[in-house]
Amino acid sequence: MTRHRYQPQTGPEHYATANFLINQVENDGNVTLSHEHRMERIGLAQVHATLALAAATALGARMNNGASPADGEDWAAITNVPKRGERT
């Protein structure tokens, strides 16, 4: 298994990384990636998705206790959620 250097990420960055890894696997069509590499990417995507979920859960708790609205905007930007009052 490839060793990765740890780079701290925000919740939205974990979400984006999970999405990127899953898209790599889904769009490969069993052509470029070996089975081992596909499984590695799926496992890494699961880890990033779990960390994104933990960050979102923590943010939800913080928002109820006065966290910055900018934190919520980071999530909205990465998940393409329109801001209040915006049309899609």
C-alpha atoms as a PDB file:
ATOM      1  CA  MET A   1       0.000   0.000   0.000  1.00  0.00           C
ATOM      2  CA  THR A   2       1.228   3.477  -0.811  1.00  0.00           C
ATOM      3  CA  ARG A   3       2.262   5.621   2.145  1.00  0.00           C
ATOM      4  CA  HIS A   4       0.738   9.073   2.224  1.00  0.00           C
ATOM      5  CA  ARG A   5       2.027  12.084   4.111  1.00  0.00           C
ATOM      6  CA  TYR A   6      -0.634  13.522   6.348  1.00  0.00           C
ATOM      7  CA  GLN A   7      -1.920  16.905   5.230  1.00  0.00           C
ATOM      8  CA  PRO A   8      -4.490  18.497   7.556  1.00  0.00           C
ATOM      9  CA  GLN A   9      -7.795  19.076   5.786  1.00  0.00           C
ATOM     10  CA  THR A  10     -11.014  20.848   6.606  1.00  0.00           C
ATOM     11  CA  GLY A  11     -14.336  19.020   6.504  1.00  0.00           C
ATOM     12  CA  PRO A  12     -15.171  20.370   3.035  1.00  0.00           C
ATOM     13  CA  GLU A  13     -11.722  19.320   1.802  1.00  0.00           C
ATOM     14  CA  HIS A  14     -12.302  15.779   3.124  1.00  0.00           C
ATOM     15  CA  TYR A  15     -15.644  15.753   1.301  1.00  0.00           C
ATOM     16  CA  ALA A  16     -14.004  16.896  -1.946  1.00  0.00           C
ATOM     17  CA  THR A  17     -11.223  14.310  -1.609  1.00  0.00           C
ATOM     18  CA  ALA A  18     -13.731  11.486  -1.042  1.00  0.00           C
ATOM     19  CA  ASN A  19     -15.701  12.622  -4.075  1.00  0.00           C
ATOM     20  CA  PHE A  20     -12.534  12.845  -6.201  1.00  0.00           C
ATOM     21  CA  LEU A  21     -11.388   9.332  -5.225  1.00  0.00           C
ATOM     22  CA  ILE A  22     -14.786   7.744  -5.899  1.00  0.00           C
ATOM     23  CA  ASN A  23     -15.009   9.505  -9.263  1.00  0.00           C
ATOM     24  CA  GLN A  24     -11.579   8.115 -10.184  1.00  0.00           C
ATOM     25  CA  VAL A  25     -12.806   4.592  -9.522  1.00  0.00           C
ATOM     26  CA  GLU A  26     -16.204   5.055 -11.179  1.00  0.00           C
ATOM     27  CA  ASN A  27     -14.796   6.688 -14.308  1.00  0.00           C
ATOM     28  CA  ASP A  28     -11.939   4.217 -14.773  1.00  0.00           C
ATOM     29  CA  GLY A  29     -14.052   1.459 -16.287  1.00  0.00           C
ATOM     30  CA  ASN A  30     -11.589  -1.212 -15.080  1.00  0.00           C
ATOM     31  CA  VAL A  31      -9.057   0.026 -17.630  1.00  0.00           C
ATOM     32  CA  THR A  32      -6.272   1.930 -15.881  1.00  0.00           C
ATOM     33  CA  LEU A  33      -6.469   0.967 -12.220  1.00  0.00           C
ATOM     34  CA  SER A  34      -5.673  -2.491 -10.908  1.00  0.00           C
ATOM     35  CA  HIS A  35      -8.131  -4.134  -8.546  1.00  0.00           C
ATOM     36  CA  GLU A  36      -5.749  -3.378  -5.656  1.00  0.00           C
ATOM     37  CA  HIS A  37      -5.566   0.325  -6.547  1.00  0.00           C
ATOM     38  CA  ARG A  38      -9.344   0.532  -6.959  1.00  0.00           C
ATOM     39  CA  MET A  39      -9.854  -0.988  -3.515  1.00  0.00           C
ATOM     40  CA  GLU A  40      -7.240   1.347  -2.005  1.00  0.00           C
ATOM     41  CA  ARG A  41      -9.009   4.400  -3.433  1.00  0.00           C
ATOM     42  CA  ILE A  42     -12.389   3.171  -2.230  1.00  0.00           C
ATOM     43  CA  GLY A  43     -10.955   2.655   1.272  1.00  0.00           C
ATOM     44  CA  LEU A  44      -9.370   6.108   1.289  1.00  0.00           C
ATOM     45  CA  ALA A  45     -12.616   7.642   0.038  1.00  0.00           C
ATOM     46  CA  GLN A  46     -14.471   6.000   2.939  1.00  0.00           C
ATOM     47  CA  VAL A  47     -11.995   7.444   5.441  1.00  0.00           C
ATOM     48  CA  HIS A  48     -12.320  10.934   3.962  1.00  0.00           C
ATOM     49  CA  ALA A  49     -16.119  10.657   3.870  1.00  0.00           C
ATOM     50  CA  THR A  50     -16.161   9.613   7.526  1.00  0.00           C
ATOM     51  CA  LEU A  51     -13.929  12.539   8.498  1.00  0.00           C
ATOM     52  CA  ALA A  52     -16.134  14.923   6.495  1.00  0.00           C
ATOM     53  CA  LEU A  53     -19.199  13.590   8.312  1.00  0.00           C
ATOM     54  CA  ALA A  54     -17.507  14.051  11.685  1.00  0.00           C
ATOM     55  CA  ALA A  55     -16.559  17.622  10.783  1.00  0.00           C
ATOM     56  CA  ALA A  56     -20.073  18.422   9.564  1.00  0.00           C
ATOM     57  CA  THR A  57     -21.580  16.974  12.728  1.00  0.00           C
ATOM     58  CA  ALA A  58     -19.217  19.010  14.893  1.00  0.00           C
ATOM     59  CA  LEU A  59     -19.973  22.136  12.857  1.00  0.00           C
ATOM     60  CA  GLY A  60     -23.696  21.601  13.373  1.00  0.00           C
ATOM     61  CA  ALA A  61     -23.159  21.527  17.111  1.00  0.00           C
ATOM     62  CA  ARG A  62     -20.940  24.617  16.944  1.00  0.00           C
ATOM     63  CA  MET A  63     -23.455  26.532  14.814  1.00  0.00           C
ATOM     64  CA  ASN A  64     -26.001  26.090  17.601  1.00  0.00           C
ATOM     65  CA  ASN A  65     -23.435  27.613  19.957  1.00  0.00           C
ATOM     66  CA  GLY A  66     -22.540  30.672  17.871  1.00  0.00           C
ATOM     67  CA  ALA A  67     -19.927  29.485  15.338  1.00  0.00           C
ATOM     68  CA  SER A  68     -19.089  31.708  12.397  1.00  0.00           C
ATOM     69  CA  PRO A  69     -21.511  31.583   9.448  1.00  0.00           C
ATOM     70  CA  ALA A  70     -18.406  31.499   7.209  1.00  0.00           C
ATOM     71  CA  ASP A  71     -17.834  27.901   8.339  1.00  0.00           C
ATOM     72  CA  GLY A  72     -21.236  26.963   6.958  1.00  0.00           C
ATOM     73  CA  GLU A  73     -20.470  28.795   3.712  1.00  0.00           C
ATOM     74  CA  ASP A  74     -17.411  26.563   3.196  1.00  0.00           C
ATOM     75  CA  TRP A  75     -19.704  23.525   3.288  1.00  0.00           C
ATOM     76  CA  ALA A  76     -22.221  25.168   0.977  1.00  0.00           C
ATOM     77  CA  ALA A  77     -19.496  25.957  -1.560  1.00  0.00           C
ATOM     78  CA  ILE A  78     -18.137  22.411  -1.718  1.00  0.00           C
ATOM     79  CA  THR A  79     -21.535  20.698  -1.783  1.00  0.00           C
ATOM     80  CA  ASN A  80     -23.048  23.233  -4.213  1.00  0.00           C
ATOM     81  CA  VAL A  81     -25.812  24.181  -1.811  1.00  0.00           C
ATOM     82  CA  PRO A  82     -27.334  27.550  -2.732  1.00  0.00           C
ATOM     83  CA  LYS A  83     -27.197  30.287  -0.116  1.00  0.00           C
ATOM     84  CA  ARG A  84     -30.445  31.408   1.437  1.00  0.00           C
ATOM     85  CA  GLY A  85     -32.421  33.422  -1.066  1.00  0.00           C
ATOM     86  CA  GLU A  86     -30.438  32.194  -4.098  1.00  0.00           C
ATOM     87  CA  ARG A  87     -32.112  30.274  -6.865  1.00  0.00           C
ATOM     88  CA  THR A  88     -30.612  27.149  -8.354  1.00  0.00           C
END
